[in-house]
Amino acid sequence: MVKSLFLILAAVLVSVGMGAPSGADQEKADAKAAAEKAAQQLTTMTEEQRRVLNTTPITSDRYPSPPSPHYGPEKGSIQFTDLDPGPTIGGTITMKPAVDDQGNRLNEAEAGITMYMIHWGLEVGAPGTQDDAGAGDLGGDCMGFRDTGHVVSAFADGAPDMLKWEIPMGTKVPDGAVYFVGHTLYGRLHNLGKCTQTPIHNRID
């Protein structure tokens, strides 16, 4: 089923600090297990399953846009530099928060934005990333989005002028994932009409 191909989950959470609740270690272990499961599922997909996944459009009935006006992270503002010299990755993801149509910083609470989220993004369409740039399936600045589960997220309330997430050293990129895709959430609605992406360049020394 095509629908089942969109239910691959992956989550890689940042390390917690001192004084974290007692369940934090278990949550971290669960997130790691979910990421490993996602990588395994993507690795074992047949060529036909991968073709269907990569060429089936993301449609507005599956990911309806929030009521207009709705806003996303500043276009092109998501950045990631891999500092892990091996086959895995690690480093800091940065992304500027939501702006209005004139590029002015928004008040998320007034706009109805509840969260910022980063997803793994798979290659879309033909092999290579040259056809992945520009307007995405729902009009956002991301062609590489497929529902692979989120990597990291943050509540929008009180968001700084630059959002930052740490990806732990040794993080495995799921097979087929070539982007980090950032977007806003309005309640449970993923605002993919205003998403933005950056390629994952794996540093190998």
C-alpha atoms as a PDB file:
ATOM      1  CA  MET A   1       0.000   0.000   0.000  1.00  0.00           C
ATOM      2  CA  VAL A   2       1.252   3.483  -0.887  1.00  0.00           C
ATOM      3  CA  LYS A   3      -0.199   4.823   2.349  1.00  0.00           C
ATOM      4  CA  SER A   4       1.908   2.476   4.441  1.00  0.00           C
ATOM      5  CA  LEU A   5       5.066   3.769   2.782  1.00  0.00           C
ATOM      6  CA  PHE A   6       4.416   7.178   4.288  1.00  0.00           C
ATOM      7  CA  LEU A   7       4.358   5.828   7.838  1.00  0.00           C
ATOM      8  CA  ILE A   8       8.117   5.278   8.182  1.00  0.00           C
ATOM      9  CA  LEU A   9       9.154   6.948  11.417  1.00  0.00           C
ATOM     10  CA  ALA A  10      12.487   8.382  12.489  1.00  0.00           C
ATOM     11  CA  ALA A  11      13.437  10.502  15.488  1.00  0.00           C
ATOM     12  CA  VAL A  12      16.824  11.614  16.735  1.00  0.00           C
ATOM     13  CA  LEU A  13      16.557  13.716  19.898  1.00  0.00           C
ATOM     14  CA  VAL A  14      19.118  16.062  21.375  1.00  0.00           C
ATOM     15  CA  SER A  15      20.989  15.118  24.544  1.00  0.00           C
ATOM     16  CA  VAL A  16      19.349  16.258  27.772  1.00  0.00           C
ATOM     17  CA  GLY A  17      21.050  18.386  30.410  1.00  0.00           C
ATOM     18  CA  MET A  18      21.496  18.022  34.149  1.00  0.00           C
ATOM     19  CA  GLY A  19      18.343  17.894  36.232  1.00  0.00           C
ATOM     20  CA  ALA A  20      16.331  16.240  33.475  1.00  0.00           C
ATOM     21  CA  PRO A  21      13.309  14.174  34.527  1.00  0.00           C
ATOM     22  CA  SER A  22      13.908  10.529  35.351  1.00  0.00           C
ATOM     23  CA  GLY A  23      12.195   9.333  32.186  1.00  0.00           C
ATOM     24  CA  ALA A  24      14.546  11.267  29.876  1.00  0.00           C
ATOM     25  CA  ASP A  25      17.004   8.400  29.460  1.00  0.00           C
ATOM     26  CA  GLN A  26      14.202   6.055  28.402  1.00  0.00           C
ATOM     27  CA  GLU A  27      12.857   8.641  25.947  1.00  0.00           C
ATOM     28  CA  LYS A  28      16.325   8.997  24.448  1.00  0.00           C
ATOM     29  CA  ALA A  29      16.639   5.213  24.113  1.00  0.00           C
ATOM     30  CA  ASP A  30      13.199   5.020  22.478  1.00  0.00           C
ATOM     31  CA  ALA A  31      14.129   7.794  20.012  1.00  0.00           C
ATOM     32  CA  LYS A  32      17.353   6.009  19.093  1.00  0.00           C
ATOM     33  CA  ALA A  33      15.473   2.759  18.528  1.00  0.00           C
ATOM     34  CA  ALA A  34      12.929   4.564  16.318  1.00  0.00           C
ATOM     35  CA  ALA A  35      15.718   6.102  14.228  1.00  0.00           C
ATOM     36  CA  GLU A  36      17.405   2.713  13.799  1.00  0.00           C
ATOM     37  CA  LYS A  37      14.087   1.130  12.811  1.00  0.00           C
ATOM     38  CA  ALA A  38      13.483   3.849  10.213  1.00  0.00           C
ATOM     39  CA  ALA A  39      16.954   3.349   8.751  1.00  0.00           C
ATOM     40  CA  GLN A  40      16.376  -0.414   8.545  1.00  0.00           C
ATOM     41  CA  GLN A  41      12.961  -0.005   6.891  1.00  0.00           C
ATOM     42  CA  LEU A  42      14.309   2.390   4.301  1.00  0.00           C
ATOM     43  CA  THR A  43      17.277   0.093   3.618  1.00  0.00           C
ATOM     44  CA  THR A  44      15.075  -2.956   3.021  1.00  0.00           C
ATOM     45  CA  MET A  45      12.610  -1.239   0.682  1.00  0.00           C
ATOM     46  CA  THR A  46      12.430  -2.722  -2.802  1.00  0.00           C
ATOM     47  CA  GLU A  47      13.251  -0.532  -5.791  1.00  0.00           C
ATOM     48  CA  GLU A  48       9.555  -0.447  -6.695  1.00  0.00           C
ATOM     49  CA  GLN A  49       8.546   0.620  -3.173  1.00  0.00           C
ATOM     50  CA  ARG A  50      11.169   3.363  -3.228  1.00  0.00           C
ATOM     51  CA  ARG A  51      10.015   4.518  -6.679  1.00  0.00           C
ATOM     52  CA  VAL A  52       6.402   4.746  -5.517  1.00  0.00           C
ATOM     53  CA  LEU A  53       7.377   6.582  -2.344  1.00  0.00           C
ATOM     54  CA  ASN A  54       9.560   9.114  -4.161  1.00  0.00           C
ATOM     55  CA  THR A  55       7.161   9.827  -7.026  1.00  0.00           C
ATOM     56  CA  THR A  56       3.794   9.904  -5.243  1.00  0.00           C
ATOM     57  CA  PRO A  57       2.903  13.572  -4.706  1.00  0.00           C
ATOM     58  CA  ILE A  58       2.256  14.964  -1.255  1.00  0.00           C
ATOM     59  CA  THR A  59      -1.356  16.139  -1.615  1.00  0.00           C
ATOM     60  CA  SER A  60      -3.355  18.796   0.188  1.00  0.00           C
ATOM     61  CA  ASP A  61      -5.930  16.248   1.347  1.00  0.00           C
ATOM     62  CA  ARG A  62      -3.202  14.438   3.315  1.00  0.00           C
ATOM     63  CA  TYR A  63      -1.456  17.610   4.465  1.00  0.00           C
ATOM     64  CA  PRO A  64      -4.040  20.406   4.431  1.00  0.00           C
ATOM     65  CA  SER A  65      -2.670  23.924   4.783  1.00  0.00           C
ATOM     66  CA  PRO A  66      -3.595  25.965   7.848  1.00  0.00           C
ATOM     67  CA  PRO A  67      -6.172  28.715   7.273  1.00  0.00           C
ATOM     68  CA  SER A  68      -4.725  31.728   5.443  1.00  0.00           C
ATOM     69  CA  PRO A  69      -2.682  33.662   6.166  1.00  0.00           C
ATOM     70  CA  HIS A  70      -0.145  31.056   7.270  1.00  0.00           C
ATOM     71  CA  TYR A  71       3.607  31.353   7.586  1.00  0.00           C
ATOM     72  CA  GLY A  72       6.743  29.258   7.689  1.00  0.00           C
ATOM     73  CA  PRO A  73      10.426  29.610   8.582  1.00  0.00           C
ATOM     74  CA  GLU A  74      12.354  32.241   6.676  1.00  0.00           C
ATOM     75  CA  LYS A  75      12.908  30.801   3.189  1.00  0.00           C
ATOM     76  CA  GLY A  76      16.345  29.305   2.707  1.00  0.00           C
ATOM     77  CA  SER A  77      17.351  29.937   6.318  1.00  0.00           C
ATOM     78  CA  ILE A  78      17.848  26.320   7.428  1.00  0.00           C
ATOM     79  CA  GLN A  79      21.529  25.348   7.642  1.00  0.00           C
ATOM     80  CA  PHE A  80      23.469  22.282   8.760  1.00  0.00           C
ATOM     81  CA  THR A  81      27.218  21.595   8.773  1.00  0.00           C
ATOM     82  CA  ASP A  82      28.316  18.054   9.543  1.00  0.00           C
ATOM     83  CA  LEU A  83      31.180  17.969  12.068  1.00  0.00           C
ATOM     84  CA  ASP A  84      31.355  14.184  12.289  1.00  0.00           C
ATOM     85  CA  PRO A  85      34.308  13.022  10.131  1.00  0.00           C
ATOM     86  CA  GLY A  86      32.972   9.497   9.647  1.00  0.00           C
ATOM     87  CA  PRO A  87      30.018   7.940   7.771  1.00  0.00           C
ATOM     88  CA  THR A  88      27.553   9.242  10.389  1.00  0.00           C
ATOM     89  CA  ILE A  89      26.677  12.886  11.050  1.00  0.00           C
ATOM     90  CA  GLY A  90      26.622  15.331  13.948  1.00  0.00           C
ATOM     91  CA  GLY A  91      26.449  19.070  14.330  1.00  0.00           C
ATOM     92  CA  THR A  92      24.087  22.003  14.721  1.00  0.00           C
ATOM     93  CA  ILE A  93      20.958  22.693  12.687  1.00  0.00           C
ATOM     94  CA  THR A  94      20.018  26.369  12.593  1.00  0.00           C
ATOM     95  CA  MET A  95      16.878  27.921  11.139  1.00  0.00           C
ATOM     96  CA  LYS A  96      15.327  31.357  11.317  1.00  0.00           C
ATOM     97  CA  PRO A  97      11.772  31.477  12.665  1.00  0.00           C
ATOM     98  CA  ALA A  98       8.601  32.472  10.857  1.00  0.00           C
ATOM     99  CA  VAL A  99       8.323  35.737   8.972  1.00  0.00           C
ATOM    100  CA  ASP A 100       5.426  37.485   7.275  1.00  0.00           C
ATOM    101  CA  ASP A 101       5.166  38.235   3.551  1.00  0.00           C
ATOM    102  CA  GLN A 102       7.412  41.282   3.996  1.00  0.00           C
ATOM    103  CA  GLY A 103      10.083  39.248   5.806  1.00  0.00           C
ATOM    104  CA  ASN A 104       9.263  40.626   9.266  1.00  0.00           C
ATOM    105  CA  ARG A 105       9.561  38.420  12.363  1.00  0.00           C
ATOM    106  CA  LEU A 106       6.175  37.144  13.505  1.00  0.00           C
ATOM    107  CA  ASN A 107       4.623  36.753  16.910  1.00  0.00           C
ATOM    108  CA  GLU A 108       3.970  32.993  16.781  1.00  0.00           C
ATOM    109  CA  ALA A 109       1.184  33.030  19.369  1.00  0.00           C
ATOM    110  CA  GLU A 110      -0.739  35.706  17.491  1.00  0.00           C
ATOM    111  CA  ALA A 111      -0.192  33.903  14.178  1.00  0.00           C
ATOM    112  CA  GLY A 112      -1.313  30.538  15.589  1.00  0.00           C
ATOM    113  CA  ILE A 113       2.048  28.792  15.129  1.00  0.00           C
ATOM    114  CA  THR A 114       2.585  26.154  17.806  1.00  0.00           C
ATOM    115  CA  MET A 115       5.832  24.385  16.869  1.00  0.00           C
ATOM    116  CA  TYR A 116       8.843  24.297  14.596  1.00  0.00           C
ATOM    117  CA  MET A 117       9.847  20.886  13.254  1.00  0.00           C
ATOM    118  CA  ILE A 118      12.711  19.383  11.263  1.00  0.00           C
ATOM    119  CA  HIS A 119      12.168  16.210   9.205  1.00  0.00           C
ATOM    120  CA  TRP A 120      14.388  13.913   7.211  1.00  0.00           C
ATOM    121  CA  GLY A 121      13.768  14.652   3.533  1.00  0.00           C
ATOM    122  CA  LEU A 122      14.012  11.954   0.887  1.00  0.00           C
ATOM    123  CA  GLU A 123      15.061  12.452  -2.695  1.00  0.00           C
ATOM    124  CA  VAL A 124      12.082  13.118  -4.940  1.00  0.00           C
ATOM    125  CA  GLY A 125      11.520  12.180  -8.552  1.00  0.00           C
ATOM    126  CA  ALA A 126      14.516  11.484 -10.784  1.00  0.00           C
ATOM    127  CA  PRO A 127      17.896  10.489  -9.281  1.00  0.00           C
ATOM    128  CA  GLY A 128      19.971  13.481  -8.238  1.00  0.00           C
ATOM    129  CA  THR A 129      18.957  16.644  -6.461  1.00  0.00           C
ATOM    130  CA  GLN A 130      18.813  18.964  -9.480  1.00  0.00           C
ATOM    131  CA  ASP A 131      15.048  18.470  -9.870  1.00  0.00           C
ATOM    132  CA  ASP A 132      14.326  18.849  -6.164  1.00  0.00           C
ATOM    133  CA  ALA A 133      14.777  22.613  -5.830  1.00  0.00           C
ATOM    134  CA  GLY A 134      12.059  25.237  -6.018  1.00  0.00           C
ATOM    135  CA  ALA A 135       8.349  24.938  -5.317  1.00  0.00           C
ATOM    136  CA  GLY A 136       7.521  21.675  -3.582  1.00  0.00           C
ATOM    137  CA  ASP A 137       4.416  19.532  -3.791  1.00  0.00           C
ATOM    138  CA  LEU A 138       2.380  22.035  -1.781  1.00  0.00           C
ATOM    139  CA  GLY A 139       4.243  25.148  -2.896  1.00  0.00           C
ATOM    140  CA  GLY A 140       6.904  25.268  -0.194  1.00  0.00           C
ATOM    141  CA  ASP A 141      10.628  25.668  -0.735  1.00  0.00           C
ATOM    142  CA  CYS A 142      11.156  21.917  -0.336  1.00  0.00           C
ATOM    143  CA  MET A 143      10.832  19.167  -2.895  1.00  0.00           C
ATOM    144  CA  GLY A 144      12.509  16.648  -0.611  1.00  0.00           C
ATOM    145  CA  PHE A 145       9.763  16.161   1.940  1.00  0.00           C
ATOM    146  CA  ARG A 146       8.277  12.733   2.503  1.00  0.00           C
ATOM    147  CA  ASP A 147       6.677  11.657   5.777  1.00  0.00           C
ATOM    148  CA  THR A 148       9.697  10.076   7.424  1.00  0.00           C
ATOM    149  CA  GLY A 149       9.036  11.347  10.925  1.00  0.00           C
ATOM    150  CA  HIS A 150      10.642  14.300  12.594  1.00  0.00           C
ATOM    151  CA  VAL A 151      14.257  14.642  13.625  1.00  0.00           C
ATOM    152  CA  VAL A 152      13.915  17.459  16.156  1.00  0.00           C
ATOM    153  CA  SER A 153      11.258  19.985  17.137  1.00  0.00           C
ATOM    154  CA  ALA A 154      10.742  23.016  19.360  1.00  0.00           C
ATOM    155  CA  PHE A 155       7.765  24.862  20.774  1.00  0.00           C
ATOM    156  CA  ALA A 156       7.192  28.152  18.972  1.00  0.00           C
ATOM    157  CA  ASP A 157       6.276  30.040  22.135  1.00  0.00           C
ATOM    158  CA  GLY A 158       9.288  32.123  23.106  1.00  0.00           C
ATOM    159  CA  ALA A 159      11.350  30.993  20.094  1.00  0.00           C
ATOM    160  CA  PRO A 160      14.614  32.937  19.670  1.00  0.00           C
ATOM    161  CA  ASP A 161      15.601  34.855  16.549  1.00  0.00           C
ATOM    162  CA  MET A 162      17.702  31.856  15.514  1.00  0.00           C
ATOM    163  CA  LEU A 163      16.505  28.327  16.245  1.00  0.00           C
ATOM    164  CA  LYS A 164      19.213  25.768  17.053  1.00  0.00           C
ATOM    165  CA  TRP A 165      19.178  21.997  17.481  1.00  0.00           C
ATOM    166  CA  GLU A 166      22.102  19.705  18.198  1.00  0.00           C
ATOM    167  CA  ILE A 167      22.330  16.487  16.193  1.00  0.00           C
ATOM    168  CA  PRO A 168      24.495  14.098  18.251  1.00  0.00           C
ATOM    169  CA  MET A 169      27.753  12.857  16.762  1.00  0.00           C
ATOM    170  CA  GLY A 170      27.328   9.338  15.409  1.00  0.00           C
ATOM    171  CA  THR A 171      23.782   9.905  14.094  1.00  0.00           C
ATOM    172  CA  LYS A 172      22.966   7.583  11.182  1.00  0.00           C
ATOM    173  CA  VAL A 173      21.175   9.161   8.262  1.00  0.00           C
ATOM    174  CA  PRO A 174      18.366   6.860   7.066  1.00  0.00           C
ATOM    175  CA  ASP A 175      19.028   5.415   3.624  1.00  0.00           C
ATOM    176  CA  GLY A 176      17.555   7.697   0.998  1.00  0.00           C
ATOM    177  CA  ALA A 177      17.423  10.798   3.208  1.00  0.00           C
ATOM    178  CA  VAL A 178      19.256  13.678   1.555  1.00  0.00           C
ATOM    179  CA  TYR A 179      17.759  16.763   3.221  1.00  0.00           C
ATOM    180  CA  PHE A 180      16.749  18.342   6.486  1.00  0.00           C
ATOM    181  CA  VAL A 181      13.309  19.917   5.956  1.00  0.00           C
ATOM    182  CA  GLY A 182      11.974  22.578   8.325  1.00  0.00           C
ATOM    183  CA  HIS A 183       8.422  23.827   8.705  1.00  0.00           C
ATOM    184  CA  THR A 184       5.883  25.251  11.140  1.00  0.00           C
ATOM    185  CA  LEU A 185       2.967  23.502  12.795  1.00  0.00           C
ATOM    186  CA  TYR A 186      -0.420  25.064  13.412  1.00  0.00           C
ATOM    187  CA  GLY A 187      -1.835  22.738  16.030  1.00  0.00           C
ATOM    188  CA  ARG A 188      -1.671  19.348  14.280  1.00  0.00           C
ATOM    189  CA  LEU A 189      -1.402  20.822  10.770  1.00  0.00           C
ATOM    190  CA  HIS A 190       2.031  20.517   9.141  1.00  0.00           C
ATOM    191  CA  ASN A 191       2.496  23.708   7.125  1.00  0.00           C
ATOM    192  CA  LEU A 192       4.265  22.148   4.142  1.00  0.00           C
ATOM    193  CA  GLY A 193       3.175  24.963   1.863  1.00  0.00           C
ATOM    194  CA  LYS A 194       5.811  27.099   3.618  1.00  0.00           C
ATOM    195  CA  CYS A 195       8.606  24.604   4.258  1.00  0.00           C
ATOM    196  CA  THR A 196      12.316  25.024   3.551  1.00  0.00           C
ATOM    197  CA  GLN A 197      15.155  22.534   3.165  1.00  0.00           C
ATOM    198  CA  THR A 198      18.927  22.106   3.116  1.00  0.00           C
ATOM    199  CA  PRO A 199      20.973  19.207   1.691  1.00  0.00           C
ATOM    200  CA  ILE A 200      22.727  16.887   4.143  1.00  0.00           C
ATOM    201  CA  HIS A 201      26.393  16.953   3.153  1.00  0.00           C
ATOM    202  CA  ASN A 202      28.072  14.097   5.022  1.00  0.00           C
ATOM    203  CA  ARG A 203      31.651  15.032   5.897  1.00  0.00           C
ATOM    204  CA  ILE A 204      34.025  12.091   5.553  1.00  0.00           C
ATOM    205  CA  ASP A 205      37.722  12.768   6.232  1.00  0.00           C
END
